[in-house]
Amino acid sequence: MKQLVIITAILFSYNFYAQEKDMAIKDVEAAAFNYIDVFYKADTTLAYKSIHKDLRKVGWYYNDEKKKYSGALELPFDKLIELAKRWNAKGDQIKEDTPRKVKVLEVSDKIAVAKVTAAWGIDYLNMVNTYEGWKIINIVWQSKPKFSLNN
């Protein structure tokens, strides 16, 4: 009888953690899609839902005329909100075939990493699990890459 109770407890705890892990993966993926849609839909409410106010976003844009990348471009949370309001305000930045992809690379109980492929290029999102849910706290991005390990 004692063994049955122990086995039942082990199976129950394993099932609980498996469900918790699956939910975390879904929530991280949802936060990453929200990040894309902040810009695609010009919906800043998604930023407040899925992006930490202490955001640090840094990236590099490739200039075709100069044939080189920009210096590091930083974008804190308040500037991200400003950009989101105007980037696709007219609805002309996004087409039917515009990329909108998320790949969850790692999820643990407190932190996660996801890769986003969007109209502007690629972003790597570092997330933290807060009392409000998963929040993007760091972003490193570049315009569309010439090559990638996953191409």
N, C-alpha and C. Protein backbone atom coordinates (compact mmCIF):
# COMPACT_ATOMS: atom_id res chain seq x y z
N MET A 1 0.82 -1.20 0.00
CA MET A 1 0.00 0.00 0.00
C MET A 1 0.86 1.26 0.00
N LYS A 2 1.91 1.23 0.83
CA LYS A 2 2.81 2.39 0.92
C LYS A 2 3.46 2.66 -0.44
N GLN A 3 3.85 1.58 -1.14
CA GLN A 3 4.47 1.74 -2.46
C GLN A 3 3.48 2.34 -3.45
N LEU A 4 2.24 1.95 -3.38
CA LEU A 4 1.22 2.48 -4.27
C LEU A 4 1.04 3.98 -4.06
N VAL A 5 1.05 4.41 -2.82
CA VAL A 5 0.93 5.84 -2.51
C VAL A 5 2.13 6.61 -3.05
N ILE A 6 3.32 6.06 -2.88
CA ILE A 6 4.53 6.72 -3.37
C ILE A 6 4.52 6.80 -4.89
N ILE A 7 4.18 5.72 -5.55
CA ILE A 7 4.12 5.70 -7.02
C ILE A 7 3.07 6.69 -7.53
N THR A 8 1.92 6.72 -6.89
CA THR A 8 0.86 7.67 -7.27
C THR A 8 1.34 9.11 -7.10
N ALA A 9 2.02 9.40 -6.01
CA ALA A 9 2.54 10.75 -5.77
C ALA A 9 3.57 11.14 -6.82
N ILE A 10 4.44 10.21 -7.18
CA ILE A 10 5.46 10.48 -8.20
C ILE A 10 4.80 10.75 -9.55
N LEU A 11 3.86 9.91 -9.92
CA LEU A 11 3.17 10.10 -11.20
C LEU A 11 2.40 11.42 -11.24
N PHE A 12 1.75 11.75 -10.14
CA PHE A 12 1.00 13.01 -10.06
C PHE A 12 1.94 14.20 -10.21
N SER A 13 3.08 14.18 -9.50
CA SER A 13 4.00 15.32 -9.58
C SER A 13 4.62 15.42 -10.97
N TYR A 14 4.93 14.28 -11.61
CA TYR A 14 5.47 14.30 -12.96
C TYR A 14 4.46 14.92 -13.92
N ASN A 15 3.20 14.51 -13.81
CA ASN A 15 2.14 15.04 -14.68
C ASN A 15 1.97 16.54 -14.46
N PHE A 16 2.02 16.98 -13.21
CA PHE A 16 1.88 18.40 -12.89
C PHE A 16 3.00 19.21 -13.55
N TYR A 17 4.24 18.75 -13.42
CA TYR A 17 5.37 19.48 -14.00
C TYR A 17 5.34 19.45 -15.53
N ALA A 18 4.88 18.35 -16.11
CA ALA A 18 4.76 18.28 -17.57
C ALA A 18 3.73 19.29 -18.06
N GLN A 19 2.61 19.41 -17.35
CA GLN A 19 1.59 20.39 -17.73
C GLN A 19 2.12 21.81 -17.55
N GLU A 20 2.84 22.04 -16.46
CA GLU A 20 3.42 23.37 -16.21
C GLU A 20 4.41 23.75 -17.31
N LYS A 21 5.22 22.79 -17.74
CA LYS A 21 6.19 23.02 -18.81
C LYS A 21 5.47 23.34 -20.13
N ASP A 22 4.47 22.55 -20.47
CA ASP A 22 3.71 22.78 -21.71
C ASP A 22 3.06 24.16 -21.70
N MET A 23 2.50 24.56 -20.57
CA MET A 23 1.87 25.88 -20.45
C MET A 23 2.91 26.98 -20.59
N ALA A 24 4.07 26.80 -20.01
CA ALA A 24 5.14 27.80 -20.12
C ALA A 24 5.56 27.98 -21.57
N ILE A 25 5.70 26.88 -22.30
CA ILE A 25 6.08 26.96 -23.71
C ILE A 25 5.03 27.73 -24.50
N LYS A 26 3.76 27.43 -24.28
CA LYS A 26 2.67 28.13 -24.97
C LYS A 26 2.65 29.62 -24.61
N ASP A 27 2.89 29.93 -23.35
CA ASP A 27 2.88 31.34 -22.91
C ASP A 27 4.07 32.12 -23.48
N VAL A 28 5.23 31.49 -23.56
CA VAL A 28 6.41 32.13 -24.16
C VAL A 28 6.15 32.38 -25.65
N GLU A 29 5.60 31.40 -26.33
CA GLU A 29 5.28 31.56 -27.75
C GLU A 29 4.26 32.69 -27.94
N ALA A 30 3.26 32.75 -27.09
CA ALA A 30 2.24 33.81 -27.19
C ALA A 30 2.86 35.19 -26.97
N ALA A 31 3.77 35.31 -26.01
CA ALA A 31 4.44 36.59 -25.77
C ALA A 31 5.25 37.01 -26.99
N ALA A 32 5.91 36.05 -27.64
CA ALA A 32 6.71 36.36 -28.84
C ALA A 32 5.80 36.81 -29.99
N PHE A 33 4.68 36.12 -30.19
CA PHE A 33 3.74 36.56 -31.23
C PHE A 33 3.15 37.93 -30.90
N ASN A 34 2.90 38.19 -29.62
CA ASN A 34 2.42 39.52 -29.22
C ASN A 34 3.43 40.59 -29.61
N TYR A 35 4.72 40.29 -29.43
CA TYR A 35 5.77 41.24 -29.80
C TYR A 35 5.68 41.59 -31.30
N ILE A 36 5.54 40.59 -32.14
CA ILE A 36 5.40 40.84 -33.58
C ILE A 36 4.16 41.69 -33.84
N ASP A 37 3.05 41.33 -33.21
CA ASP A 37 1.79 42.00 -33.47
C ASP A 37 1.71 43.41 -32.90
N VAL A 38 2.56 43.72 -31.93
CA VAL A 38 2.67 45.11 -31.47
C VAL A 38 2.92 46.00 -32.68
N PHE A 39 3.79 45.54 -33.58
CA PHE A 39 4.14 46.31 -34.77
C PHE A 39 3.20 46.03 -35.94
N TYR A 40 2.92 44.76 -36.21
CA TYR A 40 2.08 44.41 -37.35
C TYR A 40 0.68 45.00 -37.23
N LYS A 41 0.13 44.98 -36.03
CA LYS A 41 -1.24 45.48 -35.82
C LYS A 41 -1.27 46.87 -35.19
N ALA A 42 -0.07 47.44 -34.95
CA ALA A 42 0.04 48.74 -34.27
C ALA A 42 -0.78 48.73 -32.98
N ASP A 43 -0.66 47.63 -32.24
CA ASP A 43 -1.44 47.41 -31.02
C ASP A 43 -0.54 47.47 -29.80
N THR A 44 -0.44 48.64 -29.19
CA THR A 44 0.46 48.82 -28.05
C THR A 44 -0.03 48.11 -26.79
N THR A 45 -1.31 47.73 -26.74
CA THR A 45 -1.77 46.99 -25.56
C THR A 45 -1.02 45.67 -25.42
N LEU A 46 -0.62 45.10 -26.55
CA LEU A 46 0.15 43.85 -26.51
C LEU A 46 1.54 44.07 -25.93
N ALA A 47 2.10 45.26 -26.14
CA ALA A 47 3.40 45.58 -25.55
C ALA A 47 3.29 45.61 -24.03
N TYR A 48 2.26 46.26 -23.53
CA TYR A 48 2.08 46.34 -22.08
C TYR A 48 1.82 44.95 -21.48
N LYS A 49 1.25 44.06 -22.26
CA LYS A 49 0.97 42.71 -21.79
C LYS A 49 2.21 41.82 -21.78
N SER A 50 3.08 41.97 -22.80
CA SER A 50 4.14 40.98 -23.01
C SER A 50 5.57 41.51 -22.96
N ILE A 51 5.75 42.81 -22.81
CA ILE A 51 7.10 43.38 -22.80
C ILE A 51 7.34 44.07 -21.46
N HIS A 52 8.45 43.77 -20.84
CA HIS A 52 8.82 44.35 -19.54
C HIS A 52 9.16 45.82 -19.72
N LYS A 53 8.77 46.62 -18.77
CA LYS A 53 9.04 48.07 -18.85
C LYS A 53 10.54 48.39 -18.78
N ASP A 54 11.34 47.45 -18.27
CA ASP A 54 12.80 47.62 -18.22
C ASP A 54 13.48 47.06 -19.47
N LEU A 55 12.73 46.94 -20.54
CA LEU A 55 13.25 46.39 -21.80
C LEU A 55 14.56 47.04 -22.21
N ARG A 56 15.46 46.20 -22.70
CA ARG A 56 16.66 46.68 -23.39
C ARG A 56 16.66 46.00 -24.75
N LYS A 57 16.46 46.80 -25.79
CA LYS A 57 16.44 46.30 -27.16
C LYS A 57 17.59 46.96 -27.89
N VAL A 58 18.42 46.15 -28.53
CA VAL A 58 19.54 46.66 -29.30
C VAL A 58 19.63 45.87 -30.60
N GLY A 59 19.96 46.58 -31.69
CA GLY A 59 20.03 45.89 -32.97
C GLY A 59 20.82 46.65 -34.01
N TRP A 60 20.94 46.01 -35.16
CA TRP A 60 21.73 46.55 -36.26
C TRP A 60 20.93 46.43 -37.55
N TYR A 61 20.86 47.53 -38.27
CA TYR A 61 20.13 47.61 -39.53
C TYR A 61 21.13 47.66 -40.67
N TYR A 62 20.92 46.84 -41.71
CA TYR A 62 21.81 46.85 -42.87
C TYR A 62 21.38 47.92 -43.85
N ASN A 63 22.31 48.81 -44.20
CA ASN A 63 22.06 49.89 -45.15
C ASN A 63 22.55 49.42 -46.52
N ASP A 64 21.61 49.18 -47.45
CA ASP A 64 21.97 48.69 -48.78
C ASP A 64 22.84 49.66 -49.56
N GLU A 65 22.59 50.95 -49.41
CA GLU A 65 23.38 51.95 -50.14
C GLU A 65 24.83 51.98 -49.67
N LYS A 66 25.03 51.93 -48.37
CA LYS A 66 26.38 51.99 -47.80
C LYS A 66 27.04 50.61 -47.74
N LYS A 67 26.25 49.57 -47.96
CA LYS A 67 26.74 48.20 -47.91
C LYS A 67 27.37 47.85 -46.56
N LYS A 68 26.73 48.33 -45.49
CA LYS A 68 27.23 47.99 -44.15
C LYS A 68 26.10 48.14 -43.13
N TYR A 69 26.37 47.56 -41.97
CA TYR A 69 25.42 47.65 -40.88
C TYR A 69 25.57 48.96 -40.13
N SER A 70 24.49 49.40 -39.55
CA SER A 70 24.49 50.58 -38.68
C SER A 70 25.29 50.27 -37.42
N GLY A 71 25.51 51.29 -36.63
CA GLY A 71 26.00 51.06 -35.28
C GLY A 71 24.87 50.49 -34.46
N ALA A 72 25.13 50.16 -33.23
CA ALA A 72 24.10 49.61 -32.35
C ALA A 72 22.98 50.62 -32.16
N LEU A 73 21.76 50.18 -32.43
CA LEU A 73 20.57 51.02 -32.27
C LEU A 73 19.80 50.52 -31.05
N GLU A 74 19.62 51.38 -30.07
CA GLU A 74 18.93 50.99 -28.84
C GLU A 74 17.50 51.53 -28.83
N LEU A 75 16.61 50.77 -28.23
CA LEU A 75 15.20 51.14 -28.19
C LEU A 75 14.60 50.72 -26.85
N PRO A 76 14.48 51.65 -25.91
CA PRO A 76 13.84 51.31 -24.63
C PRO A 76 12.32 51.18 -24.82
N PHE A 77 11.64 50.75 -23.78
CA PHE A 77 10.21 50.48 -23.84
C PHE A 77 9.40 51.66 -24.36
N ASP A 78 9.63 52.86 -23.84
CA ASP A 78 8.82 54.01 -24.26
C ASP A 78 9.00 54.33 -25.74
N LYS A 79 10.21 54.15 -26.26
CA LYS A 79 10.46 54.40 -27.69
C LYS A 79 9.86 53.29 -28.54
N LEU A 80 9.82 52.06 -28.01
CA LEU A 80 9.17 50.97 -28.71
C LEU A 80 7.69 51.28 -28.89
N ILE A 81 7.07 51.80 -27.87
CA ILE A 81 5.65 52.18 -27.94
C ILE A 81 5.44 53.24 -29.02
N GLU A 82 6.30 54.25 -29.04
CA GLU A 82 6.20 55.30 -30.06
C GLU A 82 6.34 54.73 -31.46
N LEU A 83 7.33 53.85 -31.65
CA LEU A 83 7.54 53.24 -32.96
C LEU A 83 6.35 52.38 -33.37
N ALA A 84 5.83 51.61 -32.45
CA ALA A 84 4.70 50.73 -32.75
C ALA A 84 3.47 51.51 -33.20
N LYS A 85 3.27 52.68 -32.65
CA LYS A 85 2.12 53.51 -33.02
C LYS A 85 2.20 54.00 -34.46
N ARG A 86 3.41 54.17 -34.97
CA ARG A 86 3.52 54.75 -36.32
C ARG A 86 4.01 53.78 -37.39
N TRP A 87 4.70 52.70 -37.03
CA TRP A 87 5.35 51.84 -38.02
C TRP A 87 4.36 51.27 -39.03
N ASN A 88 3.25 50.75 -38.58
CA ASN A 88 2.24 50.21 -39.50
C ASN A 88 0.88 50.86 -39.29
N ALA A 89 0.89 52.12 -38.92
CA ALA A 89 -0.36 52.84 -38.64
C ALA A 89 -1.29 52.86 -39.85
N LYS A 90 -0.73 52.92 -41.05
CA LYS A 90 -1.54 52.94 -42.28
C LYS A 90 -1.87 51.54 -42.78
N GLY A 91 -1.27 50.53 -42.17
CA GLY A 91 -1.53 49.15 -42.58
C GLY A 91 -0.83 48.75 -43.86
N ASP A 92 0.19 49.50 -44.27
CA ASP A 92 0.84 49.22 -45.55
C ASP A 92 2.20 48.51 -45.43
N GLN A 93 2.63 48.19 -44.23
CA GLN A 93 3.93 47.54 -44.03
C GLN A 93 3.85 46.01 -44.16
N ILE A 94 2.67 45.48 -43.95
CA ILE A 94 2.49 44.03 -43.88
C ILE A 94 1.68 43.53 -45.07
N LYS A 95 2.22 42.50 -45.71
CA LYS A 95 1.53 41.85 -46.83
C LYS A 95 1.13 40.44 -46.39
N GLU A 96 0.43 39.74 -47.26
CA GLU A 96 -0.01 38.38 -46.94
C GLU A 96 1.17 37.44 -46.69
N ASP A 97 2.27 37.65 -47.42
CA ASP A 97 3.42 36.75 -47.30
C ASP A 97 4.52 37.27 -46.36
N THR A 98 4.23 38.33 -45.61
CA THR A 98 5.20 38.87 -44.66
C THR A 98 5.48 37.83 -43.58
N PRO A 99 6.76 37.58 -43.28
CA PRO A 99 7.07 36.56 -42.27
C PRO A 99 6.52 36.93 -40.89
N ARG A 100 6.02 35.91 -40.21
CA ARG A 100 5.52 36.04 -38.83
C ARG A 100 5.76 34.69 -38.15
N LYS A 101 7.03 34.48 -37.76
CA LYS A 101 7.41 33.18 -37.22
C LYS A 101 8.01 33.32 -35.82
N VAL A 102 7.73 32.33 -35.00
CA VAL A 102 8.30 32.25 -33.66
C VAL A 102 8.85 30.84 -33.47
N LYS A 103 10.07 30.77 -32.96
CA LYS A 103 10.66 29.49 -32.59
C LYS A 103 11.12 29.60 -31.14
N VAL A 104 10.51 28.83 -30.27
CA VAL A 104 10.91 28.81 -28.87
C VAL A 104 12.18 27.97 -28.77
N LEU A 105 13.26 28.59 -28.27
CA LEU A 105 14.55 27.91 -28.20
C LEU A 105 14.81 27.26 -26.85
N GLU A 106 14.33 27.88 -25.78
CA GLU A 106 14.56 27.36 -24.43
C GLU A 106 13.52 27.94 -23.48
N VAL A 107 13.05 27.10 -22.59
CA VAL A 107 12.14 27.55 -21.53
C VAL A 107 12.53 26.83 -20.25
N SER A 108 12.72 27.59 -19.20
CA SER A 108 12.89 27.02 -17.87
C SER A 108 11.82 27.65 -16.98
N ASP A 109 11.89 27.42 -15.69
CA ASP A 109 10.84 27.94 -14.83
C ASP A 109 10.88 29.46 -14.70
N LYS A 110 12.04 30.10 -14.88
CA LYS A 110 12.15 31.55 -14.68
C LYS A 110 12.50 32.32 -15.96
N ILE A 111 13.29 31.72 -16.86
CA ILE A 111 13.72 32.44 -18.07
C ILE A 111 13.45 31.61 -19.32
N ALA A 112 13.41 32.32 -20.46
CA ALA A 112 13.17 31.66 -21.74
C ALA A 112 13.81 32.48 -22.85
N VAL A 113 14.02 31.81 -24.00
CA VAL A 113 14.58 32.46 -25.19
C VAL A 113 13.76 32.02 -26.39
N ALA A 114 13.43 32.98 -27.25
CA ALA A 114 12.70 32.67 -28.48
C ALA A 114 13.30 33.47 -29.63
N LYS A 115 13.18 32.92 -30.83
CA LYS A 115 13.62 33.62 -32.04
C LYS A 115 12.38 34.03 -32.82
N VAL A 116 12.39 35.28 -33.27
CA VAL A 116 11.30 35.83 -34.07
C VAL A 116 11.84 36.16 -35.45
N THR A 117 11.10 35.79 -36.48
CA THR A 117 11.40 36.20 -37.85
C THR A 117 10.21 37.04 -38.31
N ALA A 118 10.50 38.28 -38.70
CA ALA A 118 9.44 39.23 -39.04
C ALA A 118 9.87 40.08 -40.23
N ALA A 119 9.05 41.04 -40.58
CA ALA A 119 9.29 41.90 -41.75
C ALA A 119 10.66 42.58 -41.70
N TRP A 120 11.10 42.97 -40.54
CA TRP A 120 12.34 43.75 -40.40
C TRP A 120 13.59 42.89 -40.28
N GLY A 121 13.43 41.58 -40.04
CA GLY A 121 14.59 40.71 -39.88
C GLY A 121 14.35 39.68 -38.79
N ILE A 122 15.37 39.49 -37.94
CA ILE A 122 15.26 38.51 -36.86
C ILE A 122 15.52 39.17 -35.51
N ASP A 123 14.87 38.63 -34.50
CA ASP A 123 15.05 39.09 -33.12
C ASP A 123 15.23 37.86 -32.24
N TYR A 124 16.11 37.98 -31.28
CA TYR A 124 16.21 36.99 -30.21
C TYR A 124 15.67 37.64 -28.95
N LEU A 125 14.65 37.02 -28.38
CA LEU A 125 13.94 37.57 -27.23
C LEU A 125 14.32 36.80 -25.97
N ASN A 126 14.84 37.50 -24.99
CA ASN A 126 15.06 36.93 -23.66
C ASN A 126 13.85 37.30 -22.81
N MET A 127 13.28 36.31 -22.16
CA MET A 127 12.07 36.54 -21.36
C MET A 127 12.29 36.13 -19.91
N VAL A 128 11.48 36.73 -19.06
CA VAL A 128 11.50 36.40 -17.63
C VAL A 128 10.06 36.13 -17.19
N ASN A 129 9.89 35.13 -16.36
CA ASN A 129 8.58 34.79 -15.83
C ASN A 129 8.33 35.64 -14.59
N THR A 130 7.40 36.57 -14.68
CA THR A 130 7.09 37.49 -13.59
C THR A 130 5.74 37.13 -12.98
N TYR A 131 5.35 37.83 -11.95
CA TYR A 131 4.02 37.59 -11.35
C TYR A 131 2.91 37.95 -12.33
N GLU A 132 3.23 38.72 -13.38
CA GLU A 132 2.25 39.07 -14.43
C GLU A 132 2.31 38.12 -15.61
N GLY A 133 3.18 37.14 -15.58
CA GLY A 133 3.36 36.21 -16.69
C GLY A 133 4.70 36.44 -17.38
N TRP A 134 4.85 35.84 -18.54
CA TRP A 134 6.11 35.94 -19.29
C TRP A 134 6.23 37.32 -19.92
N LYS A 135 7.40 37.95 -19.70
CA LYS A 135 7.67 39.29 -20.23
C LYS A 135 9.01 39.29 -20.96
N ILE A 136 9.04 39.95 -22.10
CA ILE A 136 10.28 40.12 -22.86
C ILE A 136 11.08 41.23 -22.19
N ILE A 137 12.33 40.93 -21.82
CA ILE A 137 13.13 41.92 -21.10
C ILE A 137 14.35 42.36 -21.90
N ASN A 138 14.87 41.50 -22.78
CA ASN A 138 16.01 41.85 -23.64
C ASN A 138 15.72 41.37 -25.06
N ILE A 139 16.11 42.21 -26.02
CA ILE A 139 15.96 41.84 -27.43
C ILE A 139 17.24 42.21 -28.15
N VAL A 140 17.77 41.26 -28.93
CA VAL A 140 18.87 41.54 -29.85
C VAL A 140 18.32 41.25 -31.24
N TRP A 141 18.49 42.21 -32.16
CA TRP A 141 17.91 42.04 -33.49
C TRP A 141 18.89 42.48 -34.57
N GLN A 142 18.60 42.05 -35.79
CA GLN A 142 19.29 42.56 -36.97
C GLN A 142 18.32 42.51 -38.13
N SER A 143 18.59 43.33 -39.15
CA SER A 143 17.75 43.25 -40.33
C SER A 143 17.98 41.90 -41.01
N LYS A 144 17.21 41.61 -42.03
CA LYS A 144 17.22 40.28 -42.64
C LYS A 144 18.65 39.80 -42.86
N PRO A 145 19.01 38.64 -42.29
CA PRO A 145 20.38 38.16 -42.40
C PRO A 145 20.72 37.63 -43.79
N LYS A 146 21.99 37.76 -44.14
CA LYS A 146 22.48 37.19 -45.40
C LYS A 146 22.53 35.67 -45.30
N PHE A 147 22.82 35.17 -44.11
CA PHE A 147 22.86 33.74 -43.88
C PHE A 147 22.51 33.46 -42.42
N SER A 148 22.17 32.20 -42.17
CA SER A 148 21.83 31.77 -40.82
C SER A 148 22.03 30.26 -40.75
N LEU A 149 22.31 29.75 -39.59
CA LEU A 149 22.45 28.30 -39.43
C LEU A 149 21.17 27.57 -39.79
N ASN A 150 20.04 28.25 -39.64
CA ASN A 150 18.75 27.61 -39.87
C ASN A 150 18.15 27.92 -41.23
N ASN A 151 18.93 28.47 -42.15
CA ASN A 151 18.41 28.74 -43.51
C ASN A 151 18.61 27.54 -44.39
